[in-house]
Structure formats: C-alpha cells, structure tokens
Amino acid sequence: MFRVLIRTPARSFRILCTEPISRSITTSSVSRFTISTKMADSAQSTPVDSLASTPAPSDTASANVPAQQNNKKQNNKKQNKPPHPNAANAKPKPVKREVRILMLHGYTQSGPLFRAKTRALEKLLIKALSPLNLVPTLIYPTAPNRLSVSDIPGYEPSTSDSGPGGDKELSDSWAWFRREEATWNYKLINEGFERLAETMRGVNLEGREVVDGLVTDSKVDDGEGKEITEERKEMKGVVRSEVIDGVIGFSQGAAMAAMLTAAMEHLAPGQPRPVLTPDHEGWVKQIREANKGQPLKFCVSYSGFFALPPELGWLWEPKVQTPTLHVLGSLDTVVEESRSRRLVEACEDPVVVVHPGGHYVPVSKEWVAPLVGFIRGCLEKHQQKTEEEGEKKKVEESV
C-alpha cells in the first residue's frame, strides 16, 4: 500500500492506494488539486540497473522544466497579490454594550426569589437583545424592611400567637414600604429608596460586580485601572454602562419603579423634577447622585398601582414623561384594576398590555415579546437621540 499526500492552500487530502503506483501523477490527471511535478517524478518507478549510470535527459524531463518554472511564477504572483479592494472597507467588529436594569420584587418577596420566578424572562431578554449587540445586566436588590407573620395579607391571629413573641419575623419576606391602614400613608418608604440608592451607587460609582443578579463586594476595577477580581465571562469585551438604564418592577416593586422613574427624570434638559415634599429631599438626592444625574430610559410595571399619599403627589404632576410599559392581569384579584389604571393615566403615552392571568409576571415567550419589543424600541430611540444631539453639538462648535 502506498500513501500520497496532496496539499492545497485550504486543506490536505490523503489518498491510499492498494496497488503500486505505476505511472506519473501529473496536473492533468488530478486537475482539482495543485500538485508539484516533483511529487509526480518521485512516484515514477525506476529500474534498479538504471541507477548505475546517469541517463540523458529525456523529453519528458525537459518538458517538466518549463512547467516547474511556470508554477513557480504563479506562486510568486499569488504571494505578491494585492489585497482585495473590499478588505480596506471591511466593517469593524461591532462593539457590545451593557444595559443595566433594576428588577424590583413585590411585597413579601426578595431579590433572589424574584430572580428565580423570572429566570425565563431574563434568558429571553438576553437572547433578544443580542442582535443589537446589547448585553443586559439584571440587578435584583432586596427591600430593607423585614415582614412579620401579621404583615402577610389574609393573616388571622390564633390563640397561640397572642402570647409573647407570637408575631414572629419571617426569614425571607421583605417590603419596600408599609401602608398604614387608617391613613393610607406609606411608612419606611425613605428606607426603601435609600436601599435603591445604595444598590445603584455600588454598581455605578464603586464598580462592584453583579453576580447572579446580586451586587457583590468584588470589583473588576479598583479605580486605578487595576483588576481586582475576574470579570464575568459574558462581559468580556463588553463596554460597561456607567448608569442604570431602566427598571422593571412587580406589584409593590412596580409602584416603586414608577416613583423612582418619576423622581429621576428631567422635565427639560438639565432640569430635574422639583421635590415639593421636604421629607423626601434626602433620598431623592441620593438616587440622583447614584445615577450620576441621569434619568432612566424606560420603566416596566407588572401589576403596578398608583401611590395614593398626597405627600407623593409631586411625582405625578406633571405626568411621567419617561416611556412606560404596563402589563396587567385580567384576573388579578390582589391589585384593584382602578389603581393600576390610575398609574397608567399618570404616565405620558403609556403602553398597556393585558394578559389572561392573575397577579404574576407572565414569562412565556408570547408574553415576553411585548417586553422585548418595548425595551428595544426605547434603547434604539435613545441611541438615535444621542447621535442627533452629538451631530448638533458638532455643528454648533464648528460655527
């Protein structure tokens, strides 16, 4: 058995022969491949007694000399071939950019629990934004106010709960604020917004890494360009966002998302919404500084509701101008439809989607599609607006 290895610029082909090779392999016999004539000569059979003397050059050998020279010239031409005219105009590899989104859980939930319930939504969102070269980072903070057994809706105390320590705290049930039944005022709401400010500050200003939706103590950059911890695999080569871009909330978290959006937006370029309640000035200042004075690009409310206390009225007058998406369940018995509709009316040009379910976040593909389309539209519109403002600034500077 003989083996002949034929090499081409792209790949190598191996031919196994079961019979002795009894003739020369020429370029005409295997025109599909470029074969050196030396390979053909080495495959010829030569009588043993002819090795004793040097034979005169044959006609075939003489004919092979010009062929070898011709092949050599062709190879030199290939090596000196100028680059393709389109090579210089080839588009550079698109740059991937991060999109930071706050995910606010509902009453009695926590950040990790909310992430577990919306994991399918997160995966579909990542996949849908990939063609736009956008990489979403979803951040799931946990509210600061721990709930007790008596805070759970529908709780009825029993005889055993009437003694000391009967109203026990729950291990993983939290709230952004508490509502007073008599006055309907919101207790502890300042603490809820301060927790959001702390989360944004850690990601935006301190460079803390987000792992599995949670803000960690690890930093990719120490502020002096030195890497402290290994960067997440999906963020390799991605241009990091410097601010929170949007917020998604469910139930009480949706109410917080709407209030957060209103408090951070600008009624005109460089003019934040005025704070008319002195008691709120502290947390408003914190969240604005934590996001470097930038408003959010979008807000998504799942089963959200309007904040009733008069002290929060400054958030709704004038209407919320940031793009909002409101997803409501037609069978929702937890949040009254009138309160959800009132939140819709407090927003300028809201988008409303009604699903045939109850008080939950629908994560099936057909109901995630409106969310994806809304977020993509908001980000594309913001990018276009930024580019137009940049061009306008260049023109003004050139005058």
Protein backbone atom coordinates (compact mmCIF):
# COMPACT_ATOMS: atom_id res chain seq x y z
CA MET A 1 0.00 0.00 0.00
CA PHE A 2 1.29 3.45 -0.94
CA ARG A 3 0.21 6.79 0.50
CA VAL A 4 0.25 10.07 -1.37
CA LEU A 5 -0.44 13.32 0.47
CA ILE A 6 -1.82 16.08 -1.75
CA ARG A 7 -1.79 19.53 -0.17
CA THR A 8 -3.87 22.54 -1.19
CA PRO A 9 -3.98 26.01 0.36
CA ALA A 10 -7.16 25.16 2.24
CA ARG A 11 -6.68 21.58 3.38
CA SER A 12 -4.79 18.31 2.89
CA PHE A 13 -6.18 15.22 1.19
CA ARG A 14 -4.81 11.74 1.79
CA ILE A 15 -5.08 9.06 -0.91
CA LEU A 16 -4.46 5.41 -0.06
CA CYS A 17 -3.54 3.14 -2.93
CA THR A 18 -3.79 -0.63 -2.71
CA GLU A 19 -1.87 -1.16 -5.94
CA PRO A 20 1.69 0.05 -6.66
CA ILE A 21 1.77 3.38 -8.46
CA SER A 22 2.95 2.50 -11.97
CA ARG A 23 2.67 5.89 -13.67
CA SER A 24 3.43 9.53 -13.07
CA ILE A 25 0.83 11.75 -11.40
CA THR A 26 0.51 14.92 -13.47
CA THR A 27 -1.52 18.06 -13.04
CA SER A 28 -3.88 16.97 -15.80
CA SER A 29 -4.78 13.71 -14.09
CA VAL A 30 -5.89 15.43 -10.85
CA SER A 31 -6.82 18.86 -12.10
CA ARG A 32 -8.79 19.57 -8.93
CA PHE A 33 -5.59 19.97 -6.88
CA THR A 34 -2.30 21.81 -7.37
CA ILE A 35 0.44 19.19 -7.40
CA SER A 36 4.11 19.81 -7.78
CA THR A 37 5.75 17.88 -10.65
CA LYS A 38 8.44 16.81 -8.22
CA MET A 39 5.80 14.75 -6.45
CA ALA A 40 4.95 13.21 -9.79
CA ASP A 41 8.61 12.37 -10.51
CA SER A 42 9.05 10.78 -7.09
CA ALA A 43 6.13 8.48 -7.80
CA GLN A 44 7.66 7.07 -11.03
CA SER A 45 9.05 3.52 -10.96
CA THR A 46 12.76 3.35 -11.90
CA PRO A 47 14.61 0.10 -12.87
CA VAL A 48 17.35 -0.88 -10.42
CA ASP A 49 20.04 -1.32 -13.11
CA SER A 50 19.48 2.20 -14.41
CA LEU A 51 20.78 3.66 -11.16
CA ALA A 52 24.35 2.73 -12.04
CA SER A 53 24.65 5.34 -14.75
CA THR A 54 23.19 8.79 -15.22
CA PRO A 55 20.72 8.71 -18.12
CA ALA A 56 20.46 11.51 -20.65
CA PRO A 57 17.67 13.96 -20.07
CA SER A 58 14.50 12.67 -21.63
CA ASP A 59 11.91 14.68 -23.49
CA THR A 60 9.54 14.31 -20.58
CA ALA A 61 12.06 15.76 -18.11
CA SER A 62 12.81 18.63 -20.48
CA ALA A 63 9.12 19.36 -20.75
CA ASN A 64 8.77 19.40 -16.98
CA VAL A 65 11.36 22.20 -16.52
CA PRO A 66 9.22 24.96 -18.08
CA ALA A 67 6.20 23.64 -16.16
CA GLN A 68 8.10 23.93 -12.89
CA GLN A 69 9.21 27.47 -13.73
CA ASN A 70 5.64 28.40 -14.68
CA ASN A 71 4.30 27.05 -11.35
CA LYS A 72 6.98 28.98 -9.51
CA LYS A 73 5.97 32.22 -11.25
CA GLN A 74 2.32 31.61 -10.43
CA ASN A 75 3.14 31.01 -6.75
CA ASN A 76 5.17 34.24 -6.65
CA LYS A 77 2.23 36.12 -8.17
CA LYS A 78 -0.09 34.73 -5.51
CA GLN A 79 2.29 35.80 -2.74
CA ASN A 80 2.62 39.32 -4.18
CA LYS A 81 -1.10 39.63 -4.94
CA PRO A 82 -2.50 42.94 -3.63
CA PRO A 83 -5.27 42.79 -1.01
CA HIS A 84 -8.87 42.60 -2.11
CA PRO A 85 -10.29 46.08 -2.80
CA ASN A 86 -13.08 45.47 -0.25
CA ALA A 87 -10.63 44.48 2.50
CA ALA A 88 -9.92 48.10 3.43
CA ASN A 89 -13.63 48.86 3.55
CA ALA A 90 -14.49 45.86 5.74
CA LYS A 91 -16.66 46.88 8.68
CA PRO A 92 -15.03 46.56 12.11
CA LYS A 93 -16.46 44.08 14.56
CA PRO A 94 -19.46 45.68 16.29
CA VAL A 95 -18.96 46.79 19.87
CA LYS A 96 -21.17 45.16 22.51
CA ARG A 97 -22.59 47.40 25.19
CA GLU A 98 -24.04 46.69 28.61
CA VAL A 99 -27.61 47.63 29.61
CA ARG A 100 -28.23 47.82 33.37
CA ILE A 101 -31.76 47.08 34.57
CA LEU A 102 -33.08 47.18 38.14
CA MET A 103 -35.51 44.34 38.97
CA LEU A 104 -37.78 45.21 41.92
CA HIS A 105 -39.65 42.39 43.67
CA GLY A 106 -43.13 42.51 45.15
CA TYR A 107 -44.42 42.57 48.70
CA THR A 108 -43.31 39.53 50.82
CA GLN A 109 -40.65 38.57 48.24
CA SER A 110 -36.87 39.03 47.99
CA GLY A 111 -34.38 39.72 45.21
CA PRO A 112 -33.21 36.08 44.80
CA LEU A 113 -36.80 34.78 44.89
CA PHE A 114 -37.90 37.28 42.24
CA ARG A 115 -34.99 36.24 40.03
CA ALA A 116 -35.94 32.58 40.39
CA LYS A 117 -39.51 33.39 39.30
CA THR A 118 -38.40 35.49 36.30
CA ARG A 119 -35.40 33.45 35.13
CA ALA A 120 -37.12 32.50 31.85
CA LEU A 121 -37.85 36.18 31.17
CA GLU A 122 -34.20 37.04 31.81
CA LYS A 123 -32.95 34.40 29.34
CA LEU A 124 -35.35 35.53 26.59
CA LEU A 125 -34.37 39.15 27.13
CA ILE A 126 -30.66 38.34 26.83
CA LYS A 127 -31.28 36.41 23.61
CA ALA A 128 -33.49 39.12 22.08
CA LEU A 129 -31.04 41.97 22.75
CA SER A 130 -28.04 40.06 21.40
CA PRO A 131 -28.66 41.06 17.71
CA LEU A 132 -28.49 44.70 18.82
CA ASN A 133 -25.09 43.98 20.45
CA LEU A 134 -26.60 44.76 23.85
CA VAL A 135 -25.83 42.67 26.93
CA PRO A 136 -28.34 43.17 29.76
CA THR A 137 -27.25 43.05 33.40
CA LEU A 138 -30.29 42.47 35.59
CA ILE A 139 -29.87 43.59 39.21
CA TYR A 140 -32.19 42.18 41.91
CA PRO A 141 -31.92 44.15 45.17
CA THR A 142 -33.86 43.08 48.25
CA ALA A 143 -36.07 45.58 50.10
CA PRO A 144 -34.82 46.65 53.56
CA ASN A 145 -37.97 46.13 55.64
CA ARG A 146 -38.41 42.61 57.02
CA LEU A 147 -42.02 41.48 57.45
CA SER A 148 -43.66 39.68 60.34
CA VAL A 149 -46.30 36.99 60.21
CA SER A 150 -49.03 39.52 60.91
CA ASP A 151 -47.97 41.58 57.85
CA ILE A 152 -48.95 38.83 55.42
CA PRO A 153 -52.27 39.55 53.66
CA GLY A 154 -55.08 37.35 54.99
CA TYR A 155 -53.32 36.62 58.27
CA GLU A 156 -55.64 35.83 61.18
CA PRO A 157 -54.02 35.52 64.63
CA SER A 158 -54.68 32.33 66.54
CA THR A 159 -54.64 31.71 70.30
CA SER A 160 -51.02 30.59 70.19
CA ASP A 161 -49.97 33.87 68.52
CA SER A 162 -51.36 36.06 71.32
CA GLY A 163 -48.53 35.38 73.74
CA PRO A 164 -45.05 36.95 73.86
CA GLY A 165 -43.15 36.51 70.58
CA GLY A 166 -46.28 35.39 68.76
CA ASP A 167 -45.78 37.88 65.91
CA LYS A 168 -42.57 36.38 64.56
CA GLU A 169 -40.46 37.86 61.77
CA LEU A 170 -40.32 35.88 58.56
CA SER A 171 -36.93 34.76 57.31
CA ASP A 172 -37.16 35.93 53.69
CA SER A 173 -40.19 38.24 53.32
CA TRP A 174 -39.46 41.90 52.65
CA ALA A 175 -41.23 45.13 51.74
CA TRP A 176 -40.20 48.42 50.13
CA PHE A 177 -42.67 50.27 52.34
CA ARG A 178 -45.61 49.63 54.71
CA ARG A 179 -49.05 51.12 54.35
CA GLU A 180 -50.93 52.46 57.37
CA GLU A 181 -54.46 51.12 57.20
CA ALA A 182 -56.04 54.17 58.85
CA THR A 183 -54.34 56.93 56.83
CA TRP A 184 -53.02 55.01 53.81
CA ASN A 185 -49.68 56.77 54.30
CA TYR A 186 -46.50 54.88 53.40
CA LYS A 187 -44.19 54.12 56.32
CA LEU A 188 -40.50 53.33 55.79
CA ILE A 189 -40.59 54.46 52.15
CA ASN A 190 -37.46 56.56 52.69
CA GLU A 191 -35.58 53.40 53.68
CA GLY A 192 -36.81 51.68 50.53
CA PHE A 193 -35.43 54.39 48.25
CA GLU A 194 -32.20 54.58 50.23
CA ARG A 195 -31.71 50.86 49.54
CA LEU A 196 -32.11 51.53 45.80
CA ALA A 197 -29.63 54.40 46.04
CA GLU A 198 -27.17 52.09 47.80
CA THR A 199 -27.56 49.48 45.04
CA MET A 200 -27.06 51.99 42.23
CA ARG A 201 -24.10 53.59 43.97
CA GLY A 202 -22.38 50.23 44.38
CA VAL A 203 -22.70 49.37 40.68
CA ASN A 204 -22.31 52.81 39.07
CA LEU A 205 -19.85 54.62 41.33
CA GLU A 206 -17.95 51.92 43.20
CA GLY A 207 -17.60 49.48 40.29
CA ARG A 208 -18.95 46.49 42.21
CA GLU A 209 -19.62 43.34 40.19
CA VAL A 210 -23.08 41.83 39.75
CA VAL A 211 -23.16 38.04 40.06
CA ASP A 212 -26.40 36.07 39.68
CA GLY A 213 -28.35 39.30 39.90
CA LEU A 214 -26.81 40.38 43.22
CA VAL A 215 -24.36 43.22 43.86
CA THR A 216 -21.22 41.74 45.43
CA ASP A 217 -18.27 43.22 47.28
CA SER A 218 -15.96 42.28 44.39
CA LYS A 219 -14.66 44.91 42.00
CA VAL A 220 -13.37 44.49 38.46
CA ASP A 221 -11.56 47.84 38.65
CA ASP A 222 -10.18 49.47 41.78
CA GLY A 223 -10.44 52.96 40.30
CA GLU A 224 -6.80 53.00 39.21
CA GLY A 225 -7.18 50.61 36.31
CA LYS A 226 -6.14 47.53 38.30
CA GLU A 227 -8.29 44.44 38.08
CA ILE A 228 -9.21 43.02 41.48
CA THR A 229 -11.50 40.14 40.56
CA GLU A 230 -12.02 38.11 37.40
CA GLU A 231 -14.57 39.60 35.02
CA ARG A 232 -17.72 37.66 34.25
CA LYS A 233 -17.37 35.53 31.12
CA GLU A 234 -20.34 37.13 29.33
CA MET A 235 -18.89 40.61 29.95
CA LYS A 236 -15.53 40.02 28.27
CA GLY A 237 -15.01 42.76 25.69
CA VAL A 238 -18.32 44.48 26.55
CA VAL A 239 -18.36 48.24 27.04
CA ARG A 240 -19.73 48.77 30.55
CA SER A 241 -22.64 51.10 31.20
CA GLU A 242 -22.00 53.82 33.75
CA VAL A 243 -25.62 54.22 34.91
CA ILE A 244 -28.84 52.29 35.47
CA ASP A 245 -30.67 52.32 32.12
CA GLY A 246 -34.11 51.07 33.13
CA VAL A 247 -36.28 49.45 35.79
CA ILE A 248 -38.74 46.55 35.86
CA GLY A 249 -41.00 46.04 38.88
CA PHE A 250 -43.76 43.73 40.07
CA SER A 251 -46.69 44.72 42.32
CA GLN A 252 -45.26 46.88 45.14
CA GLY A 253 -41.96 46.81 43.26
CA ALA A 254 -43.79 48.20 40.21
CA ALA A 255 -45.15 51.07 42.31
CA MET A 256 -41.58 51.74 43.48
CA ALA A 257 -40.33 51.55 39.88
CA ALA A 258 -42.83 54.20 38.75
CA MET A 259 -41.95 56.53 41.65
CA LEU A 260 -38.21 56.00 41.08
CA THR A 261 -38.61 56.83 37.39
CA ALA A 262 -40.56 60.00 38.12
CA ALA A 263 -38.07 61.18 40.75
CA MET A 264 -35.08 60.69 38.41
CA GLU A 265 -36.44 62.18 35.20
CA HIS A 266 -35.82 65.64 33.79
CA LEU A 267 -38.78 67.79 32.80
CA ALA A 268 -36.40 69.62 30.46
CA PRO A 269 -32.70 69.12 29.63
CA GLY A 270 -30.77 69.70 32.83
CA GLN A 271 -33.92 70.38 34.85
CA PRO A 272 -34.87 67.56 37.26
CA ARG A 273 -38.41 67.30 38.58
CA PRO A 274 -38.73 69.62 41.61
CA VAL A 275 -39.19 67.95 45.01
CA LEU A 276 -42.14 69.54 46.80
CA THR A 277 -42.00 67.44 49.99
CA PRO A 278 -39.02 68.40 52.21
CA ASP A 279 -39.01 65.00 53.90
CA HIS A 280 -38.20 63.39 50.53
CA GLU A 281 -35.28 65.60 49.56
CA GLY A 282 -32.72 63.30 51.21
CA TRP A 283 -33.49 60.09 49.31
CA VAL A 284 -34.14 61.95 46.06
CA LYS A 285 -30.68 63.49 46.23
CA GLN A 286 -29.14 60.09 46.93
CA ILE A 287 -30.71 58.28 43.98
CA ARG A 288 -29.94 61.11 41.56
CA GLU A 289 -26.30 61.24 42.61
CA ALA A 290 -26.05 57.43 42.49
CA ASN A 291 -27.11 57.51 38.82
CA LYS A 292 -24.87 60.48 38.00
CA GLY A 293 -27.85 62.75 37.46
CA GLN A 294 -29.09 60.68 34.51
CA PRO A 295 -32.79 59.78 34.11
CA LEU A 296 -33.96 56.27 33.27
CA LYS A 297 -34.62 55.31 29.66
CA PHE A 298 -37.66 53.13 30.37
CA CYS A 299 -39.92 51.74 33.12
CA VAL A 300 -41.89 48.45 33.06
CA SER A 301 -44.71 47.84 35.56
CA TYR A 302 -46.20 44.39 36.17
CA SER A 303 -49.42 44.61 38.21
CA GLY A 304 -48.38 48.03 39.46
CA PHE A 305 -50.52 50.61 41.21
CA PHE A 306 -50.72 54.34 41.84
CA ALA A 307 -49.14 55.73 45.02
CA LEU A 308 -52.03 57.42 46.85
CA PRO A 309 -50.45 59.51 49.66
CA PRO A 310 -50.75 63.26 48.93
CA GLU A 311 -47.14 63.78 50.03
CA LEU A 312 -46.08 61.87 46.91
CA GLY A 313 -48.22 63.99 44.61
CA TRP A 314 -45.18 65.88 43.27
CA LEU A 315 -44.15 62.69 41.45
CA TRP A 316 -47.23 62.72 39.22
CA GLU A 317 -47.57 66.41 38.33
CA PRO A 318 -46.74 66.83 35.54
CA LYS A 319 -47.16 63.32 34.16
CA VAL A 320 -44.27 60.85 33.96
CA GLN A 321 -42.56 61.51 30.63
CA THR A 322 -40.22 58.50 30.59
CA PRO A 323 -41.53 55.68 28.31
CA THR A 324 -43.57 53.19 30.37
CA LEU A 325 -45.00 49.71 29.73
CA HIS A 326 -47.85 48.46 31.94
CA VAL A 327 -48.61 44.72 31.98
CA LEU A 328 -51.88 43.87 33.74
CA GLY A 329 -53.59 40.57 34.50
CA SER A 330 -57.28 40.40 33.61
CA LEU A 331 -57.85 38.00 36.53
CA ASP A 332 -55.76 39.92 39.08
CA THR A 333 -57.60 39.93 42.42
CA VAL A 334 -54.73 41.33 44.53
CA VAL A 335 -54.37 44.79 42.99
CA GLU A 336 -57.57 46.59 42.09
CA GLU A 337 -57.81 47.42 38.39
CA SER A 338 -58.77 51.02 39.18
CA ARG A 339 -55.45 51.60 41.00
CA SER A 340 -53.49 50.08 38.11
CA ARG A 341 -55.40 52.19 35.59
CA ARG A 342 -54.73 55.31 37.64
CA LEU A 343 -50.99 54.64 37.39
CA VAL A 344 -51.39 54.25 33.62
CA GLU A 345 -53.15 57.62 33.46
CA ALA A 346 -50.30 59.26 35.40
CA CYS A 347 -47.88 58.48 32.53
CA GLU A 348 -47.45 60.22 29.19
CA ASP A 349 -48.14 57.95 26.17
CA PRO A 350 -48.15 54.66 28.15
CA VAL A 351 -48.12 51.24 26.52
CA VAL A 352 -50.62 48.80 28.09
CA VAL A 353 -50.67 45.00 27.68
CA VAL A 354 -53.34 42.81 29.32
CA HIS A 355 -52.69 39.08 29.73
CA PRO A 356 -55.39 36.49 30.62
CA GLY A 357 -53.94 35.67 34.02
CA GLY A 358 -53.75 36.79 37.63
CA HIS A 359 -51.25 38.52 39.90
CA TYR A 360 -47.91 37.34 38.49
CA VAL A 361 -45.26 38.10 35.86
CA PRO A 362 -46.02 36.08 32.68
CA VAL A 363 -42.77 34.54 31.44
CA SER A 364 -43.97 32.57 28.40
CA LYS A 365 -42.44 33.59 25.08
CA GLU A 366 -45.60 35.19 23.69
CA TRP A 367 -45.92 37.50 26.71
CA VAL A 368 -42.23 38.35 26.92
CA ALA A 369 -42.32 39.51 23.27
CA PRO A 370 -44.06 42.84 24.10
CA LEU A 371 -41.47 43.50 26.82
CA VAL A 372 -38.59 42.82 24.43
CA GLY A 373 -40.07 44.99 21.69
CA PHE A 374 -40.69 47.84 24.13
CA ILE A 375 -37.16 47.81 25.59
CA ARG A 376 -35.53 47.52 22.16
CA GLY A 377 -37.58 50.45 20.90
CA CYS A 378 -36.65 52.60 23.89
CA LEU A 379 -32.93 51.85 23.58
CA GLU A 380 -32.89 52.43 19.81
CA LYS A 381 -34.77 55.71 20.21
CA HIS A 382 -32.37 56.85 22.94
CA GLN A 383 -29.36 55.92 20.80
CA GLN A 384 -30.76 57.84 17.84
CA LYS A 385 -31.45 60.85 20.04
CA THR A 386 -27.91 60.75 21.44
CA GLU A 387 -26.42 60.62 17.93
CA GLU A 388 -28.57 63.54 16.76
CA GLU A 389 -27.54 65.62 19.77
CA GLY A 390 -23.90 64.78 19.09
CA GLU A 391 -24.17 65.89 15.46
CA LYS A 392 -25.95 69.07 16.53
CA LYS A 393 -23.19 69.83 19.03
CA LYS A 394 -20.51 69.36 16.35
CA VAL A 395 -22.29 71.79 14.06
CA GLU A 396 -22.60 74.37 16.83
CA GLU A 397 -18.89 74.03 17.69
CA SER A 398 -17.84 74.44 14.04
CA VAL A 399 -19.74 77.72 13.64
